[in-house]
Amino acid sequence: MTRPSVVVLDYGSGNVHSAVKALEAAGADVELTADRMKVLEADGLLVPGVGAFSAVMDALQKVRGGELIGRRLAGGRPVLGICVGMQVLFDRGVERGVEAEGLGEWPGTVDELEAPVLPHMGWNTVAPDTGSQLFDGLADERFYFVHSYAARSWDLPESPQHTSPKLTWSDHGGRFLAAVENGPLSATQFHPEKSGEAGIRLLRNWIDRL
């Protein structure tokens, strides 16, 4: 059988090579590129993200990342964001008093966790939503987090015309969104590529739906 094609968006973010290897291990043919046509035509697009919210947004916009993500989603083509690649999908981020505009795919603000120890770094449990496809068979697994900021609420109103998103929560000084599954758009705050076999399985769950 043909392996699904996945593009990892190459816009200068770190950790991209480990993401490529993890996707390959999960069963995809993977290319690291910002080529417009390849991004639009791939079966799946993974958007990595490491660093400050505003810096990631600036780098994404230099390769017209927001436009490319929006065009894929308009056509129902899957996109997966990771870490800050999840955070920038929200309306805005606030870091050290600096507010930056996000991609606005979801309403809400990404801000600092209210925890005595930051960053939140290491393995943590998650609480997947009922019927989650990303976490199928993974409800009791731990995943690897490295972050000080997150979305701590979900502000998208329910609509009878659309299937309700699947929300997965975790906790570090208070609850925050660990993952969202919203039609063709999914994202994780943790790093699947650093989460061992559980992370590979999660990526395989995503790839199996492409």
Foldseek 3Di string as FASTA:
>chain_A
DAFFEEEEEDQPAPPVVLVQVLLVVLGHHYDYYLPLVCLQPGQEYEYEHDDDLQVSQVSCVVSPNLVSVVVNVVVLRAYEYEASRVQLCEQWEADPNDIDGGSHVFYAYKYFAQAPDPDPFAWFAKQWFPPDLLCVVPNGAIFTAHGGIATQDGDDDDDPVADDKIFMWTDHNHIGTQKIGGRRYIYGNTDLSPGPPSSSSSSSSNSVVD
